[in-house]
Amino acid sequence: GQTLSGALSANDCQLPDNTFIDFYSFQGTAGETISISLNSGVFDTYLFLLDADGNVIEENDDGGSSTNSRIPDFGGAISLPTTGTYLIGANSFDSLETGAYTVSLNSSPACQTTALAFGQNVRGGLTGTDCIINVAGEFFFKDFYTFQGIAGQQISIAMNSDAVNSFLILHTPSGSGRLEN
């Protein structure tokens, strides 16, 4: 829920493509849903979301309005894959651009979870306001369901749809692992 003002300058860190970048950090929790915006009236923005080791999780050029950036682009929210420190990189699209910007980090109520009991069937639907997840570079809308399990318990999960190509992801409680199908 915080918006900060900053400015790219020639004194900032410089990437190999000769763009300047400022970094901001925040603590996130596995499964937490967020959105990030980078806006400037002076330069074409470019936005990065990185893990604590500097690995790029998401990046965006013009997913906000005009030449502003947003993660995820054009609405919704993404879910964080693990608990820990994350970095936001406020960058420009073109080399040597400088100037003022604002960067915003927001949690999103769009990614509510629904409790699911064993043996229960649920009817759902994916919409353009659902959370967005990146799976191998492709973006998908996502609904979240939770259940209480016991270590070693065997389970099966099924998703059927005539409207979409079904895709399931089972996240571990810590968020450090997942199974996909």
Protein backbone atom coordinates (compact mmCIF):
# COMPACT_ATOMS: atom_id res chain seq x y z
CA GLY A 1 0.00 0.00 0.00
CA GLN A 2 2.96 2.33 -0.20
CA THR A 3 3.94 4.72 -3.01
CA LEU A 4 7.42 6.22 -3.05
CA SER A 5 8.86 8.98 -5.20
CA GLY A 6 12.30 8.61 -6.71
CA ALA A 7 14.42 9.75 -9.60
CA LEU A 8 16.81 7.99 -11.96
CA SER A 9 20.09 9.87 -12.20
CA ALA A 10 23.57 9.42 -13.64
CA ASN A 11 24.74 8.53 -10.09
CA ASP A 12 22.50 5.42 -9.92
CA CYS A 13 23.53 1.85 -10.66
CA GLN A 14 23.94 1.32 -14.39
CA LEU A 15 23.01 -1.89 -16.20
CA PRO A 16 24.97 -3.28 -19.20
CA ASP A 17 22.38 -1.73 -21.58
CA ASN A 18 23.35 1.73 -20.19
CA THR A 19 20.06 2.22 -18.34
CA PHE A 20 19.98 3.44 -14.74
CA ILE A 21 18.16 1.52 -12.02
CA ASP A 22 17.03 2.05 -8.42
CA PHE A 23 16.19 -0.86 -6.13
CA TYR A 24 13.58 -1.19 -3.38
CA SER A 25 13.11 -4.21 -1.12
CA PHE A 26 10.13 -5.71 0.68
CA GLN A 27 9.32 -8.83 2.68
CA GLY A 28 6.80 -11.16 1.06
CA THR A 29 5.04 -14.34 2.07
CA ALA A 30 4.48 -17.38 -0.16
CA GLY A 31 1.04 -17.08 -1.78
CA GLU A 32 0.71 -13.36 -0.93
CA THR A 33 -0.81 -11.47 -3.83
CA ILE A 34 0.65 -8.19 -5.01
CA SER A 35 0.81 -5.70 -7.84
CA ILE A 36 3.58 -3.17 -8.56
CA SER A 37 3.37 0.02 -10.62
CA LEU A 38 6.14 2.29 -11.93
CA ASN A 39 5.00 5.62 -13.39
CA SER A 40 6.87 8.58 -14.89
CA GLY A 41 5.87 11.55 -17.00
CA VAL A 42 9.53 12.05 -17.99
CA PHE A 43 10.75 8.68 -19.36
CA ASP A 44 9.52 5.29 -20.61
CA THR A 45 9.58 3.08 -17.50
CA TYR A 46 10.75 -0.53 -17.17
CA LEU A 47 9.95 -2.56 -14.05
CA PHE A 48 11.58 -5.63 -12.50
CA LEU A 49 10.53 -7.96 -9.67
CA LEU A 50 13.50 -9.99 -8.43
CA ASP A 51 14.09 -12.55 -5.70
CA ALA A 52 16.70 -11.97 -2.97
CA ASP A 53 19.41 -13.51 -5.19
CA GLY A 54 18.70 -11.05 -8.02
CA ASN A 55 16.88 -13.55 -10.26
CA VAL A 56 14.16 -11.93 -12.35
CA ILE A 57 10.70 -13.22 -11.42
CA GLU A 58 8.72 -10.79 -13.58
CA GLU A 59 9.49 -7.77 -15.74
CA ASN A 60 7.35 -5.30 -17.65
CA ASP A 61 7.66 -2.43 -20.10
CA ASP A 62 4.29 -0.89 -20.98
CA GLY A 63 1.78 -2.88 -18.90
CA GLY A 64 0.50 0.23 -17.14
CA SER A 65 -1.10 3.21 -18.84
CA SER A 66 0.88 4.75 -21.74
CA THR A 67 4.61 4.06 -21.24
CA ASN A 68 4.23 3.20 -17.56
CA SER A 69 4.95 -0.29 -16.21
CA ARG A 70 2.91 -2.69 -14.10
CA ILE A 71 3.37 -6.19 -12.73
CA PRO A 72 1.25 -8.01 -13.69
CA ASP A 73 0.46 -6.02 -16.79
CA PHE A 74 -2.99 -4.50 -17.27
CA GLY A 75 -4.57 -5.51 -13.95
CA GLY A 76 -4.97 -8.31 -11.48
CA ALA A 77 -2.29 -9.53 -9.10
CA ILE A 78 0.47 -12.10 -8.94
CA SER A 79 1.15 -14.52 -6.12
CA LEU A 80 4.61 -14.60 -4.58
CA PRO A 81 6.28 -18.01 -4.94
CA THR A 82 8.22 -18.06 -1.63
CA THR A 83 8.55 -16.30 1.70
CA GLY A 84 11.47 -13.90 1.89
CA THR A 85 12.98 -10.69 0.58
CA TYR A 86 12.03 -9.37 -2.85
CA LEU A 87 13.53 -6.52 -4.86
CA ILE A 88 11.76 -4.04 -7.12
CA GLY A 89 13.90 -2.54 -9.88
CA ALA A 90 12.80 0.90 -11.12
CA ASN A 91 14.41 1.25 -14.54
CA SER A 92 13.99 3.01 -17.88
CA PHE A 93 13.38 1.36 -21.23
CA ASP A 94 15.93 3.51 -23.09
CA SER A 95 19.58 4.03 -22.18
CA LEU A 96 20.78 7.06 -20.23
CA GLU A 97 17.25 8.28 -19.42
CA THR A 98 16.87 10.09 -16.10
CA GLY A 99 14.03 11.77 -14.25
CA ALA A 100 11.36 11.51 -11.57
CA TYR A 101 9.07 8.52 -11.04
CA THR A 102 6.75 6.92 -8.49
CA VAL A 103 6.77 3.25 -7.57
CA SER A 104 3.83 1.56 -5.79
CA LEU A 105 3.54 -1.81 -4.10
CA ASN A 106 0.03 -3.02 -3.32
CA SER A 107 -1.50 -6.14 -1.90
CA SER A 108 -4.53 -7.32 -3.79
CA PRO A 109 -7.81 -8.59 -2.41
CA ALA A 110 -8.48 -10.09 -5.85
CA CYS A 111 -6.69 -13.28 -4.82
CA GLN A 112 -8.96 -14.57 -2.12
CA THR A 113 -8.68 -18.21 -1.15
CA THR A 114 -11.56 -20.63 -0.81
CA ALA A 115 -11.35 -23.45 1.72
CA LEU A 116 -11.95 -26.88 0.19
CA ALA A 117 -12.83 -30.05 2.14
CA PHE A 118 -11.89 -33.57 1.07
CA GLY A 119 -14.57 -35.01 -1.19
CA GLN A 120 -16.00 -31.56 -1.96
CA ASN A 121 -16.68 -30.47 -5.55
CA VAL A 122 -16.59 -26.75 -6.33
CA ARG A 123 -17.83 -24.86 -9.38
CA GLY A 124 -15.66 -21.86 -10.29
CA GLY A 125 -14.90 -19.54 -13.14
CA LEU A 126 -11.87 -17.59 -14.29
CA THR A 127 -12.35 -13.88 -15.01
CA GLY A 128 -10.19 -10.92 -16.03
CA THR A 129 -10.09 -9.72 -12.42
CA ASP A 130 -8.57 -12.94 -11.04
CA CYS A 131 -4.96 -13.28 -9.96
CA ILE A 132 -2.37 -13.80 -12.64
CA ILE A 133 0.43 -16.35 -12.45
CA ASN A 134 3.50 -16.75 -14.66
CA VAL A 135 4.14 -20.36 -15.67
CA ALA A 136 7.21 -20.77 -17.87
CA GLY A 137 6.82 -17.29 -19.36
CA GLU A 138 3.08 -17.57 -20.04
CA PHE A 139 0.50 -15.70 -17.97
CA PHE A 140 -2.69 -17.33 -16.72
CA PHE A 141 -5.63 -16.32 -14.54
CA LYS A 142 -5.73 -18.27 -11.30
CA ASP A 143 -8.20 -19.09 -8.49
CA PHE A 144 -6.86 -20.25 -5.09
CA TYR A 145 -8.25 -23.10 -3.01
CA THR A 146 -6.81 -24.29 0.30
CA PHE A 147 -7.17 -27.53 2.25
CA GLN A 148 -5.78 -28.99 5.46
CA GLY A 149 -3.50 -31.95 4.81
CA ILE A 150 -1.33 -34.24 6.89
CA ALA A 151 2.28 -35.13 6.05
CA GLY A 152 2.36 -38.37 4.05
CA GLN A 153 -1.35 -38.20 3.19
CA GLN A 154 -2.19 -39.24 -0.37
CA ILE A 155 -4.54 -36.98 -2.30
CA SER A 156 -5.87 -36.53 -5.80
CA ILE A 157 -7.08 -33.28 -7.34
CA ALA A 158 -9.00 -32.85 -10.59
CA MET A 159 -10.12 -29.86 -12.63
CA ASN A 160 -12.53 -30.16 -15.54
CA SER A 161 -13.64 -27.47 -17.96
CA ASP A 162 -15.25 -27.23 -21.36
CA ALA A 163 -14.33 -23.52 -21.54
CA VAL A 164 -10.57 -23.46 -20.75
CA ASN A 165 -7.57 -25.73 -20.99
CA SER A 166 -7.35 -26.92 -17.37
CA PHE A 167 -4.06 -26.47 -15.49
CA LEU A 168 -3.52 -27.28 -11.80
CA ILE A 169 -0.70 -26.21 -9.49
CA LEU A 170 -0.36 -27.64 -5.99
CA HIS A 171 1.77 -25.35 -3.82
CA THR A 172 3.55 -26.63 -0.73
CA PRO A 173 2.56 -24.91 2.55
CA SER A 174 5.89 -23.04 2.67
CA GLY A 175 5.62 -21.99 -0.98
CA SER A 176 9.09 -23.41 -1.67
CA GLY A 177 7.81 -26.10 -4.04
CA ARG A 178 4.95 -27.00 -6.30
CA LEU A 179 3.55 -29.73 -8.53
CA GLU A 180 2.00 -28.86 -11.88
CA ASN A 181 -0.34 -30.72 -14.20
